[in-house]
PDB file of N, CA and C in Angstrom:
ATOM      1  N   MET A   1      34.253 -34.020 103.767  1.00  0.00           N
ATOM      2  CA  MET A   1      33.926 -35.420 103.772  1.00  0.00           C
ATOM      3  C   MET A   1      33.049 -35.707 104.994  1.00  0.00           C
ATOM      4  N   ASN A   2      31.989 -36.452 104.798  1.00  0.00           N
ATOM      5  CA  ASN A   2      31.112 -36.834 105.887  1.00  0.00           C
ATOM      6  C   ASN A   2      31.693 -38.016 106.637  1.00  0.00           C
ATOM      7  N   ARG A   3      31.933 -37.846 107.906  1.00  0.00           N
ATOM      8  CA  ARG A   3      32.430 -38.940 108.734  1.00  0.00           C
ATOM      9  C   ARG A   3      31.519 -39.083 109.930  1.00  0.00           C
ATOM     10  N   ARG A   4      31.162 -40.310 110.220  1.00  0.00           N
ATOM     11  CA  ARG A   4      30.352 -40.558 111.403  1.00  0.00           C
ATOM     12  C   ARG A   4      31.273 -40.536 112.600  1.00  0.00           C
ATOM     13  N   ARG A   5      30.937 -39.736 113.563  1.00  0.00           N
ATOM     14  CA  ARG A   5      31.736 -39.670 114.776  1.00  0.00           C
ATOM     15  C   ARG A   5      30.882 -40.152 115.937  1.00  0.00           C
ATOM     16  N   ARG A   6      31.394 -41.129 116.619  1.00  0.00           N
ATOM     17  CA  ARG A   6      30.679 -41.692 117.757  1.00  0.00           C
ATOM     18  C   ARG A   6      31.158 -40.999 119.028  1.00  0.00           C
ATOM     19  N   PRO A   7      30.242 -40.414 119.790  1.00  0.00           N
ATOM     20  CA  PRO A   7      30.656 -39.821 121.059  1.00  0.00           C
ATOM     21  C   PRO A   7      31.270 -40.903 121.948  1.00  0.00           C
ATOM     22  N   ALA A   8      32.362 -40.557 122.600  1.00  0.00           N
ATOM     23  CA  ALA A   8      33.104 -41.535 123.395  1.00  0.00           C
ATOM     24  C   ALA A   8      32.276 -42.102 124.543  1.00  0.00           C
ATOM     25  N   ALA A   9      31.394 -41.326 125.120  1.00  0.00           N
ATOM     26  CA  ALA A   9      30.651 -41.774 126.295  1.00  0.00           C
ATOM     27  C   ALA A   9      29.192 -42.094 125.980  1.00  0.00           C
ATOM     28  N   ASP A  10      28.905 -42.560 124.772  1.00  0.00           N
ATOM     29  CA  ASP A  10      27.535 -42.857 124.394  1.00  0.00           C
ATOM     30  C   ASP A  10      27.329 -44.359 124.253  1.00  0.00           C
ATOM     31  N   PRO A  11      26.984 -45.068 125.359  1.00  0.00           N
ATOM     32  CA  PRO A  11      26.807 -46.521 125.272  1.00  0.00           C
ATOM     33  C   PRO A  11      25.659 -46.915 124.362  1.00  0.00           C
ATOM     34  N   ALA A  12      24.700 -46.046 124.131  1.00  0.00           N
ATOM     35  CA  ALA A  12      23.562 -46.373 123.264  1.00  0.00           C
ATOM     36  C   ALA A  12      23.978 -46.468 121.805  1.00  0.00           C
ATOM     37  N   ALA A  13      25.144 -45.950 121.456  1.00  0.00           N
ATOM     38  CA  ALA A  13      25.591 -45.990 120.066  1.00  0.00           C
ATOM     39  C   ALA A  13      25.815 -47.421 119.586  1.00  0.00           C
ATOM     40  N   ASP A  14      26.038 -48.347 120.507  1.00  0.00           N
ATOM     41  CA  ASP A  14      26.271 -49.737 120.141  1.00  0.00           C
ATOM     42  C   ASP A  14      25.008 -50.588 120.202  1.00  0.00           C
ATOM     43  N   GLU A  15      23.907 -50.014 120.586  1.00  0.00           N
ATOM     44  CA  GLU A  15      22.670 -50.768 120.727  1.00  0.00           C
ATOM     45  C   GLU A  15      21.949 -50.890 119.391  1.00  0.00           C
ATOM     46  N   PRO A  16      21.314 -52.054 119.121  1.00  0.00           N
ATOM     47  CA  PRO A  16      20.513 -52.188 117.899  1.00  0.00           C
ATOM     48  C   PRO A  16      19.353 -51.203 117.907  1.00  0.00           C
ATOM     49  N   LEU A  17      18.882 -50.841 116.730  1.00  0.00           N
ATOM     50  CA  LEU A  17      17.746 -49.941 116.632  1.00  0.00           C
ATOM     51  C   LEU A  17      16.497 -50.608 117.191  1.00  0.00           C
ATOM     52  N   ALA A  18      15.647 -49.833 117.822  1.00  0.00           N
ATOM     53  CA  ALA A  18      14.404 -50.359 118.376  1.00  0.00           C
ATOM     54  C   ALA A  18      13.565 -50.981 117.273  1.00  0.00           C
ATOM     55  N   GLY A  19      12.959 -52.119 117.583  1.00  0.00           N
ATOM     56  CA  GLY A  19      12.104 -52.793 116.614  1.00  0.00           C
ATOM     57  C   GLY A  19      12.860 -53.722 115.683  1.00  0.00           C
ATOM     58  N   ASN A  20      14.167 -53.766 115.790  1.00  0.00           N
ATOM     59  CA  ASN A  20      14.965 -54.655 114.949  1.00  0.00           C
ATOM     60  C   ASN A  20      15.735 -55.620 115.848  1.00  0.00           C
ATOM     61  N   GLU A  21      15.030 -56.619 116.342  1.00  0.00           N
ATOM     62  CA  GLU A  21      15.603 -57.561 117.296  1.00  0.00           C
ATOM     63  C   GLU A  21      16.709 -58.408 116.684  1.00  0.00           C
ATOM     64  N   ASN A  22      16.754 -58.534 115.350  1.00  0.00           N
ATOM     65  CA  ASN A  22      17.769 -59.340 114.695  1.00  0.00           C
ATOM     66  C   ASN A  22      19.034 -58.552 114.350  1.00  0.00           C
ATOM     67  N   ALA A  23      19.051 -57.253 114.664  1.00  0.00           N
ATOM     68  CA  ALA A  23      20.222 -56.441 114.352  1.00  0.00           C
ATOM     69  C   ALA A  23      21.411 -56.911 115.193  1.00  0.00           C
ATOM     70  N   ARG A  24      22.562 -56.956 114.573  1.00  0.00           N
ATOM     71  CA  ARG A  24      23.749 -57.385 115.292  1.00  0.00           C
ATOM     72  C   ARG A  24      24.332 -56.206 116.063  1.00  0.00           C
ATOM     73  N   PRO A  25      24.884 -56.466 117.236  1.00  0.00           N
ATOM     74  CA  PRO A  25      25.510 -55.360 117.972  1.00  0.00           C
ATOM     75  C   PRO A  25      26.785 -54.923 117.261  1.00  0.00           C
ATOM     76  N   ILE A  26      27.017 -53.643 117.229  1.00  0.00           N
ATOM     77  CA  ILE A  26      28.213 -53.111 116.592  1.00  0.00           C
ATOM     78  C   ILE A  26      29.190 -52.702 117.694  1.00  0.00           C
ATOM     79  N   THR A  27      30.318 -53.381 117.726  1.00  0.00           N
ATOM     80  CA  THR A  27      31.367 -53.099 118.699  1.00  0.00           C
ATOM     81  C   THR A  27      32.455 -52.229 118.085  1.00  0.00           C
ATOM     82  N   TYR A  28      32.742 -52.460 116.808  1.00  0.00           N
ATOM     83  CA  TYR A  28      33.827 -51.757 116.121  1.00  0.00           C
ATOM     84  C   TYR A  28      33.276 -50.960 114.950  1.00  0.00           C
ATOM     85  N   ASP A  29      33.866 -49.797 114.731  1.00  0.00           N
ATOM     86  CA  ASP A  29      33.520 -49.012 113.550  1.00  0.00           C
ATOM     87  C   ASP A  29      34.186 -49.599 112.312  1.00  0.00           C
ATOM     88  N   VAL A  30      35.407 -50.116 112.473  1.00  0.00           N
ATOM     89  CA  VAL A  30      36.173 -50.639 111.342  1.00  0.00           C
ATOM     90  C   VAL A  30      36.876 -51.936 111.723  1.00  0.00           C
ATOM     91  N   PHE A  31      36.752 -52.925 110.860  1.00  0.00           N
ATOM     92  CA  PHE A  31      37.556 -54.146 110.923  1.00  0.00           C
ATOM     93  C   PHE A  31      38.676 -53.928 109.919  1.00  0.00           C
ATOM     94  N   LEU A  32      39.890 -53.734 110.404  1.00  0.00           N
ATOM     95  CA  LEU A  32      41.042 -53.455 109.557  1.00  0.00           C
ATOM     96  C   LEU A  32      41.773 -54.758 109.283  1.00  0.00           C
ATOM     97  N   SER A  33      41.921 -55.072 108.015  1.00  0.00           N
ATOM     98  CA  SER A  33      42.496 -56.351 107.620  1.00  0.00           C
ATOM     99  C   SER A  33      43.690 -56.139 106.694  1.00  0.00           C
ATOM    100  N   SER A  34      44.676 -57.023 106.827  1.00  0.00           N
ATOM    101  CA  SER A  34      45.821 -57.042 105.912  1.00  0.00           C
ATOM    102  C   SER A  34      46.321 -58.478 105.822  1.00  0.00           C
ATOM    103  N   PRO A  35      47.030 -58.818 104.757  1.00  0.00           N
ATOM    104  CA  PRO A  35      47.463 -60.201 104.538  1.00  0.00           C
ATOM    105  C   PRO A  35      48.689 -60.554 105.377  1.00  0.00           C
ATOM    106  N   MET A  36      48.504 -60.671 106.661  1.00  0.00           N
ATOM    107  CA  MET A  36      49.632 -60.846 107.573  1.00  0.00           C
ATOM    108  C   MET A  36      50.396 -62.139 107.324  1.00  0.00           C
ATOM    109  N   ALA A  37      49.712 -63.255 107.248  1.00  0.00           N
ATOM    110  CA  ALA A  37      50.389 -64.548 107.143  1.00  0.00           C
ATOM    111  C   ALA A  37      50.989 -64.783 105.762  1.00  0.00           C
ATOM    112  N   SER A  38      50.524 -64.073 104.749  1.00  0.00           N
ATOM    113  CA  SER A  38      51.003 -64.336 103.399  1.00  0.00           C
ATOM    114  C   SER A  38      52.239 -63.524 103.014  1.00  0.00           C
ATOM    115  N   LEU A  39      52.696 -62.658 103.886  1.00  0.00           N
ATOM    116  CA  LEU A  39      53.915 -61.910 103.574  1.00  0.00           C
ATOM    117  C   LEU A  39      55.116 -62.857 103.665  1.00  0.00           C
ATOM    118  N   PRO A  40      56.052 -62.754 102.718  1.00  0.00           N
ATOM    119  CA  PRO A  40      57.086 -63.780 102.570  1.00  0.00           C
ATOM    120  C   PRO A  40      58.104 -63.883 103.708  1.00  0.00           C
ATOM    121  N   SER A  41      58.400 -62.803 104.386  1.00  0.00           N
ATOM    122  CA  SER A  41      59.437 -62.875 105.418  1.00  0.00           C
ATOM    123  C   SER A  41      58.994 -62.118 106.667  1.00  0.00           C
ATOM    124  N   ASP A  42      59.715 -62.366 107.748  1.00  0.00           N
ATOM    125  CA  ASP A  42      59.437 -61.645 108.987  1.00  0.00           C
ATOM    126  C   ASP A  42      59.661 -60.145 108.797  1.00  0.00           C
ATOM    127  N   GLU A  43      60.691 -59.784 108.051  1.00  0.00           N
ATOM    128  CA  GLU A  43      60.978 -58.368 107.811  1.00  0.00           C
ATOM    129  C   GLU A  43      59.846 -57.704 107.021  1.00  0.00           C
ATOM    130  N   ASP A  44      59.339 -58.398 106.007  1.00  0.00           N
ATOM    131  CA  ASP A  44      58.210 -57.866 105.234  1.00  0.00           C
ATOM    132  C   ASP A  44      56.984 -57.696 106.121  1.00  0.00           C
ATOM    133  N   TYR A  45      56.719 -58.698 106.953  1.00  0.00           N
ATOM    134  CA  TYR A  45      55.571 -58.633 107.862  1.00  0.00           C
ATOM    135  C   TYR A  45      55.700 -57.442 108.804  1.00  0.00           C
ATOM    136  N   GLU A  46      56.863 -57.320 109.435  1.00  0.00           N
ATOM    137  CA  GLU A  46      57.052 -56.261 110.430  1.00  0.00           C
ATOM    138  C   GLU A  46      56.955 -54.874 109.796  1.00  0.00           C
ATOM    139  N   SER A  47      57.494 -54.704 108.597  1.00  0.00           N
ATOM    140  CA  SER A  47      57.406 -53.430 107.902  1.00  0.00           C
ATOM    141  C   SER A  47      55.955 -53.108 107.523  1.00  0.00           C
ATOM    142  N   HIS A  48      55.262 -54.099 106.962  1.00  0.00           N
ATOM    143  CA  HIS A  48      53.855 -53.902 106.581  1.00  0.00           C
ATOM    144  C   HIS A  48      53.011 -53.592 107.813  1.00  0.00           C
ATOM    145  N   ARG A  49      53.244 -54.318 108.891  1.00  0.00           N
ATOM    146  CA  ARG A  49      52.489 -54.123 110.134  1.00  0.00           C
ATOM    147  C   ARG A  49      52.651 -52.697 110.653  1.00  0.00           C
ATOM    148  N   LEU A  50      53.860 -52.150 110.605  1.00  0.00           N
ATOM    149  CA  LEU A  50      54.074 -50.776 111.064  1.00  0.00           C
ATOM    150  C   LEU A  50      53.245 -49.790 110.249  1.00  0.00           C
ATOM    151  N   GLY A  51      53.152 -50.012 108.941  1.00  0.00           N
ATOM    152  CA  GLY A  51      52.306 -49.153 108.107  1.00  0.00           C
ATOM    153  C   GLY A  51      50.834 -49.278 108.464  1.00  0.00           C
ATOM    154  N   ILE A  52      50.394 -50.500 108.717  1.00  0.00           N
ATOM    155  CA  ILE A  52      48.989 -50.720 109.094  1.00  0.00           C
ATOM    156  C   ILE A  52      48.696 -50.079 110.448  1.00  0.00           C
ATOM    157  N   LEU A  53      49.654 -50.136 111.364  1.00  0.00           N
ATOM    158  CA  LEU A  53      49.452 -49.485 112.658  1.00  0.00           C
ATOM    159  C   LEU A  53      49.308 -47.971 112.507  1.00  0.00           C
ATOM    160  N   ARG A  54      49.957 -47.395 111.505  1.00  0.00           N
ATOM    161  CA  ARG A  54      49.777 -45.957 111.238  1.00  0.00           C
ATOM    162  C   ARG A  54      48.370 -45.683 110.699  1.00  0.00           C
ATOM    163  N   VAL A  55      47.856 -46.585 109.862  1.00  0.00           N
ATOM    164  CA  VAL A  55      46.479 -46.459 109.381  1.00  0.00           C
ATOM    165  C   VAL A  55      45.514 -46.560 110.558  1.00  0.00           C
ATOM    166  N   LEU A  56      45.742 -47.544 111.423  1.00  0.00           N
ATOM    167  CA  LEU A  56      44.894 -47.729 112.607  1.00  0.00           C
ATOM    168  C   LEU A  56      44.894 -46.463 113.464  1.00  0.00           C
ATOM    169  N   GLU A  57      46.075 -45.923 113.699  1.00  0.00           N
ATOM    170  CA  GLU A  57      46.189 -44.711 114.508  1.00  0.00           C
ATOM    171  C   GLU A  57      45.422 -43.546 113.885  1.00  0.00           C
ATOM    172  N   ALA A  58      45.518 -43.388 112.575  1.00  0.00           N
ATOM    173  CA  ALA A  58      44.805 -42.297 111.894  1.00  0.00           C
ATOM    174  C   ALA A  58      43.298 -42.487 111.989  1.00  0.00           C
ATOM    175  N   LEU A  59      42.819 -43.718 111.829  1.00  0.00           N
ATOM    176  CA  LEU A  59      41.382 -43.979 111.939  1.00  0.00           C
ATOM    177  C   LEU A  59      40.872 -43.653 113.339  1.00  0.00           C
ATOM    178  N   GLU A  60      41.652 -44.004 114.346  1.00  0.00           N
ATOM    179  CA  GLU A  60      41.237 -43.722 115.726  1.00  0.00           C
ATOM    180  C   GLU A  60      41.340 -42.230 116.052  1.00  0.00           C
ATOM    181  N   ARG A  61      42.446 -41.617 115.651  1.00  0.00           N
ATOM    182  CA  ARG A  61      42.683 -40.212 115.985  1.00  0.00           C
ATOM    183  C   ARG A  61      41.813 -39.273 115.155  1.00  0.00           C
ATOM    184  N   ASP A  62      41.845 -39.425 113.845  1.00  0.00           N
ATOM    185  CA  ASP A  62      41.184 -38.463 112.962  1.00  0.00           C
ATOM    186  C   ASP A  62      39.697 -38.738 112.759  1.00  0.00           C
ATOM    187  N   CYS A  63      39.332 -39.999 112.741  1.00  0.00           N
ATOM    188  CA  CYS A  63      37.923 -40.362 112.519  1.00  0.00           C
ATOM    189  C   CYS A  63      37.205 -40.733 113.807  1.00  0.00           C
ATOM    190  N   ARG A  64      37.983 -40.909 114.853  1.00  0.00           N
ATOM    191  CA  ARG A  64      37.456 -41.326 116.156  1.00  0.00           C
ATOM    192  C   ARG A  64      36.730 -42.665 116.068  1.00  0.00           C
ATOM    193  N   PHE A  65      37.264 -43.550 115.249  1.00  0.00           N
ATOM    194  CA  PHE A  65      36.699 -44.880 115.074  1.00  0.00           C
ATOM    195  C   PHE A  65      37.312 -45.843 116.074  1.00  0.00           C
ATOM    196  N   LYS A  66      36.511 -46.801 116.489  1.00  0.00           N
ATOM    197  CA  LYS A  66      37.016 -47.927 117.262  1.00  0.00           C
ATOM    198  C   LYS A  66      37.374 -49.001 116.238  1.00  0.00           C
ATOM    199  N   VAL A  67      38.649 -49.415 116.235  1.00  0.00           N
ATOM    200  CA  VAL A  67      39.168 -50.273 115.175  1.00  0.00           C
ATOM    201  C   VAL A  67      39.626 -51.609 115.751  1.00  0.00           C
ATOM    202  N   TYR A  68      39.268 -52.680 115.026  1.00  0.00           N
ATOM    203  CA  TYR A  68      39.792 -54.011 115.332  1.00  0.00           C
ATOM    204  C   TYR A  68      40.849 -54.340 114.300  1.00  0.00           C
ATOM    205  N   TYR A  69      42.041 -54.686 114.771  1.00  0.00           N
ATOM    206  CA  TYR A  69      43.112 -55.150 113.880  1.00  0.00           C
ATOM    207  C   TYR A  69      43.833 -56.285 114.592  1.00  0.00           C
ATOM    208  N   ALA A  70      43.739 -57.472 114.056  1.00  0.00           N
ATOM    209  CA  ALA A  70      44.315 -58.653 114.694  1.00  0.00           C
ATOM    210  C   ALA A  70      45.822 -58.537 114.875  1.00  0.00           C
ATOM    211  N   GLY A  71      46.500 -57.828 113.990  1.00  0.00           N
ATOM    212  CA  GLY A  71      47.949 -57.702 114.070  1.00  0.00           C
ATOM    213  C   GLY A  71      48.436 -56.704 115.093  1.00  0.00           C
ATOM    214  N   GLU A  72      47.514 -56.024 115.746  1.00  0.00           N
ATOM    215  CA  GLU A  72      47.922 -55.000 116.714  1.00  0.00           C
ATOM    216  C   GLU A  72      48.819 -55.583 117.810  1.00  0.00           C
ATOM    217  N   ARG A  73      48.496 -56.778 118.246  1.00  0.00           N
ATOM    218  CA  ARG A  73      49.275 -57.422 119.313  1.00  0.00           C
ATOM    219  C   ARG A  73      50.129 -58.580 118.787  1.00  0.00           C
ATOM    220  N   ARG A  74      50.442 -58.558 117.521  1.00  0.00           N
ATOM    221  CA  ARG A  74      51.241 -59.615 116.891  1.00  0.00           C
ATOM    222  C   ARG A  74      52.460 -58.976 116.224  1.00  0.00           C
ATOM    223  N   PRO A  75      53.510 -58.671 117.003  1.00  0.00           N
ATOM    224  CA  PRO A  75      54.660 -57.955 116.444  1.00  0.00           C
ATOM    225  C   PRO A  75      55.480 -58.762 115.438  1.00  0.00           C
ATOM    226  N   THR A  76      55.404 -60.083 115.508  1.00  0.00           N
ATOM    227  CA  THR A  76      56.141 -60.933 114.579  1.00  0.00           C
ATOM    228  C   THR A  76      55.236 -62.065 114.108  1.00  0.00           C
ATOM    229  N   LYS A  77      55.643 -62.738 113.035  1.00  0.00           N
ATOM    230  CA  LYS A  77      54.863 -63.882 112.552  1.00  0.00           C
ATOM    231  C   LYS A  77      54.857 -65.008 113.589  1.00  0.00           C
ATOM    232  N   ALA A  78      55.898 -65.085 114.383  1.00  0.00           N
ATOM    233  CA  ALA A  78      55.979 -66.122 115.416  1.00  0.00           C
ATOM    234  C   ALA A  78      54.949 -65.909 116.522  1.00  0.00           C
ATOM    235  N   SER A  79      54.381 -64.722 116.627  1.00  0.00           N
ATOM    236  CA  SER A  79      53.417 -64.440 117.697  1.00  0.00           C
ATOM    237  C   SER A  79      51.973 -64.703 117.281  1.00  0.00           C
ATOM    238  N   PHE A  80      51.762 -65.279 116.094  1.00  0.00           N
ATOM    239  CA  PHE A  80      50.403 -65.594 115.647  1.00  0.00           C
ATOM    240  C   PHE A  80      49.774 -66.647 116.555  1.00  0.00           C
ATOM    241  N   GLU A  81      48.447 -66.564 116.676  1.00  0.00           N
ATOM    242  CA  GLU A  81      47.682 -67.586 117.381  1.00  0.00           C
ATOM    243  C   GLU A  81      47.518 -68.805 116.475  1.00  0.00           C
ATOM    244  N   ARG A  82      47.036 -69.889 117.064  1.00  0.00           N
ATOM    245  CA  ARG A  82      46.650 -71.038 116.241  1.00  0.00           C
ATOM    246  C   ARG A  82      45.585 -70.555 115.255  1.00  0.00           C
ATOM    247  N   PRO A  83      45.595 -71.068 114.017  1.00  0.00           N
ATOM    248  CA  PRO A  83      44.638 -70.591 113.008  1.00  0.00           C
ATOM    249  C   PRO A  83      43.181 -70.699 113.441  1.00  0.00           C
ATOM    250  N   ASP A  84      42.793 -71.759 114.136  1.00  0.00           N
ATOM    251  CA  ASP A  84      41.393 -71.887 114.533  1.00  0.00           C
ATOM    252  C   ASP A  84      41.000 -70.843 115.572  1.00  0.00           C
ATOM    253  N   VAL A  85      41.915 -70.510 116.461  1.00  0.00           N
ATOM    254  CA  VAL A  85      41.636 -69.490 117.483  1.00  0.00           C
ATOM    255  C   VAL A  85      41.529 -68.119 116.823  1.00  0.00           C
ATOM    256  N   GLY A  86      42.500 -67.804 115.966  1.00  0.00           N
ATOM    257  CA  GLY A  86      42.474 -66.511 115.278  1.00  0.00           C
ATOM    258  C   GLY A  86      41.254 -66.345 114.402  1.00  0.00           C
ATOM    259  N   ALA A  87      40.890 -67.388 113.675  1.00  0.00           N
ATOM    260  CA  ALA A  87      39.720 -67.318 112.792  1.00  0.00           C
ATOM    261  C   ALA A  87      38.442 -67.110 113.600  1.00  0.00           C
ATOM    262  N   HIS A  88      38.329 -67.774 114.723  1.00  0.00           N
ATOM    263  CA  HIS A  88      37.137 -67.620 115.572  1.00  0.00           C
ATOM    264  C   HIS A  88      37.046 -66.183 116.093  1.00  0.00           C
ATOM    265  N   ARG A  89      38.149 -65.671 116.611  1.00  0.00           N
ATOM    266  CA  ARG A  89      38.159 -64.311 117.160  1.00  0.00           C
ATOM    267  C   ARG A  89      37.909 -63.286 116.052  1.00  0.00           C
ATOM    268  N   ASP A  90      38.571 -63.458 114.905  1.00  0.00           N
ATOM    269  CA  ASP A  90      38.411 -62.502 113.802  1.00  0.00           C
ATOM    270  C   ASP A  90      36.995 -62.518 113.231  1.00  0.00           C
ATOM    271  N   SER A  91      36.399 -63.701 113.092  1.00  0.00           N
ATOM    272  CA  SER A  91      35.044 -63.754 112.526  1.00  0.00           C
ATOM    273  C   SER A  91      34.034 -63.114 113.468  1.00  0.00           C
ATOM    274  N   ALA A  92      34.238 -63.269 114.773  1.00  0.00           N
ATOM    275  CA  ALA A  92      33.344 -62.608 115.734  1.00  0.00           C
ATOM    276  C   ALA A  92      33.486 -61.088 115.628  1.00  0.00           C
ATOM    277  N   ALA A  93      34.722 -60.603 115.551  1.00  0.00           N
ATOM    278  CA  ALA A  93      34.948 -59.156 115.439  1.00  0.00           C
ATOM    279  C   ALA A  93      34.407 -58.613 114.121  1.00  0.00           C
ATOM    280  N   LEU A  94      34.531 -59.391 113.057  1.00  0.00           N
ATOM    281  CA  LEU A  94      34.013 -58.954 111.755  1.00  0.00           C
ATOM    282  C   LEU A  94      32.493 -58.796 111.798  1.00  0.00           C
ATOM    283  N   ARG A  95      31.813 -59.740 112.439  1.00  0.00           N
ATOM    284  CA  ARG A  95      30.347 -59.641 112.560  1.00  0.00           C
ATOM    285  C   ARG A  95      29.938 -58.424 113.381  1.00  0.00           C
ATOM    286  N   GLU A  96      30.808 -57.970 114.271  1.00  0.00           N
ATOM    287  CA  GLU A  96      30.499 -56.836 115.144  1.00  0.00           C
ATOM    288  C   GLU A  96      31.065 -55.517 114.626  1.00  0.00           C
ATOM    289  N   SER A  97      31.445 -55.491 113.352  1.00  0.00           N
ATOM    290  CA  SER A  97      32.038 -54.288 112.764  1.00  0.00           C
ATOM    291  C   SER A  97      31.104 -53.659 111.737  1.00  0.00           C
ATOM    292  N   ALA A  98      31.086 -52.344 111.725  1.00  0.00           N
ATOM    293  CA  ALA A  98      30.242 -51.613 110.779  1.00  0.00           C
ATOM    294  C   ALA A  98      30.880 -51.543 109.388  1.00  0.00           C
ATOM    295  N   ARG A  99      32.218 -51.557 109.332  1.00  0.00           N
ATOM    296  CA  ARG A  99      32.928 -51.424 108.064  1.00  0.00           C
ATOM    297  C   ARG A  99      34.067 -52.434 107.994  1.00  0.00           C
ATOM    298  N   PHE A 100      34.473 -52.757 106.760  1.00  0.00           N
ATOM    299  CA  PHE A 100      35.604 -53.645 106.521  1.00  0.00           C
ATOM    300  C   PHE A 100      36.590 -52.905 105.637  1.00  0.00           C
ATOM    301  N   LEU A 101      37.843 -52.829 106.062  1.00  0.00           N
ATOM    302  CA  LEU A 101      38.876 -52.155 105.289  1.00  0.00           C
ATOM    303  C   LEU A 101      40.041 -53.128 105.098  1.00  0.00           C
ATOM    304  N   LEU A 102      40.322 -53.469 103.846  1.00  0.00           N
ATOM    305  CA  LEU A 102      41.426 -54.358 103.502  1.00  0.00           C
ATOM    306  C   LEU A 102      42.541 -53.526 102.906  1.00  0.00           C
ATOM    307  N   VAL A 103      43.731 -53.655 103.472  1.00  0.00           N
ATOM    308  CA  VAL A 103      44.904 -52.954 102.968  1.00  0.00           C
ATOM    309  C   VAL A 103      45.871 -54.000 102.441  1.00  0.00           C
ATOM    310  N   MET A 104      46.150 -53.912 101.137  1.00  0.00           N
ATOM    311  CA  MET A 104      47.050 -54.868 100.488  1.00  0.00           C
ATOM    312  C   MET A 104      48.362 -54.174 100.160  1.00  0.00           C
ATOM    313  N   PRO A 105      49.483 -54.847 100.429  1.00  0.00           N
ATOM    314  CA  PRO A 105      50.753 -54.275  99.974  1.00  0.00           C
ATOM    315  C   PRO A 105      50.802 -54.331  98.451  1.00  0.00           C
ATOM    316  N   LYS A 106      51.340 -53.315  97.837  1.00  0.00           N
ATOM    317  CA  LYS A 106      51.307 -53.234  96.374  1.00  0.00           C
ATOM    318  C   LYS A 106      52.092 -54.340  95.687  1.00  0.00           C
ATOM    319  N   ASP A 107      53.058 -54.931  96.374  1.00  0.00           N
ATOM    320  CA  ASP A 107      53.869 -55.933  95.711  1.00  0.00           C
ATOM    321  C   ASP A 107      53.469 -57.371  96.051  1.00  0.00           C
ATOM    322  N   LEU A 108      52.340 -57.569  96.701  1.00  0.00           N
ATOM    323  CA  LEU A 108      51.862 -58.905  96.996  1.00  0.00           C
ATOM    324  C   LEU A 108      50.992 -59.376  95.830  1.00  0.00           C
ATOM    325  N   VAL A 109      51.405 -60.434  95.203  1.00  0.00           N
ATOM    326  CA  VAL A 109      50.706 -60.943  94.024  1.00  0.00           C
ATOM    327  C   VAL A 109      49.866 -62.142  94.413  1.00  0.00           C
ATOM    328  N   SER A 110      48.632 -62.151  93.966  1.00  0.00           N
ATOM    329  CA  SER A 110      47.741 -63.282  94.191  1.00  0.00           C
ATOM    330  C   SER A 110      47.767 -64.156  92.946  1.00  0.00           C
ATOM    331  N   VAL A 111      47.900 -65.431  93.152  1.00  0.00           N
ATOM    332  CA  VAL A 111      47.952 -66.379  92.030  1.00  0.00           C
ATOM    333  C   VAL A 111      46.689 -67.223  92.061  1.00  0.00           C
ATOM    334  N   CYS A 112      46.008 -67.251  90.948  1.00  0.00           N
ATOM    335  CA  CYS A 112      44.783 -68.066  90.828  1.00  0.00           C
ATOM    336  C   CYS A 112      45.103 -69.251  89.919  1.00  0.00           C
ATOM    337  N   ARG A 113      44.889 -70.419  90.452  1.00  0.00           N
ATOM    338  CA  ARG A 113      45.145 -71.633  89.664  1.00  0.00           C
ATOM    339  C   ARG A 113      43.850 -72.388  89.451  1.00  0.00           C
ATOM    340  N   SER A 114      43.695 -72.954  88.263  1.00  0.00           N
ATOM    341  CA  SER A 114      42.481 -73.709  88.009  1.00  0.00           C
ATOM    342  C   SER A 114      42.756 -75.188  87.944  1.00  0.00           C
TER     343      SER A 114
END
């Protein structure tokens, strides 16, 4: 499998390509996302979060990716930031990410109403 590996000490890896002044700076290789607030209980959240942290660890260790995951420092649902603060921080990190990875728990059902 082809994986891009960024040398740890290469600051130029985050610089936009020459001649492309509108290119966005890339800070993260992966924006890791999961439905943290929509999990029904604190126990469900904490269990799901532990699984996502294992994914994060594998991406960093095996792929040598720099990963953004908002839940990394949110051990419980009670530790969430205000929605406007979290959305601002997450949208900035998303713009600075090369990839987006969404991990959904298999038993979380989305309901669409018209």
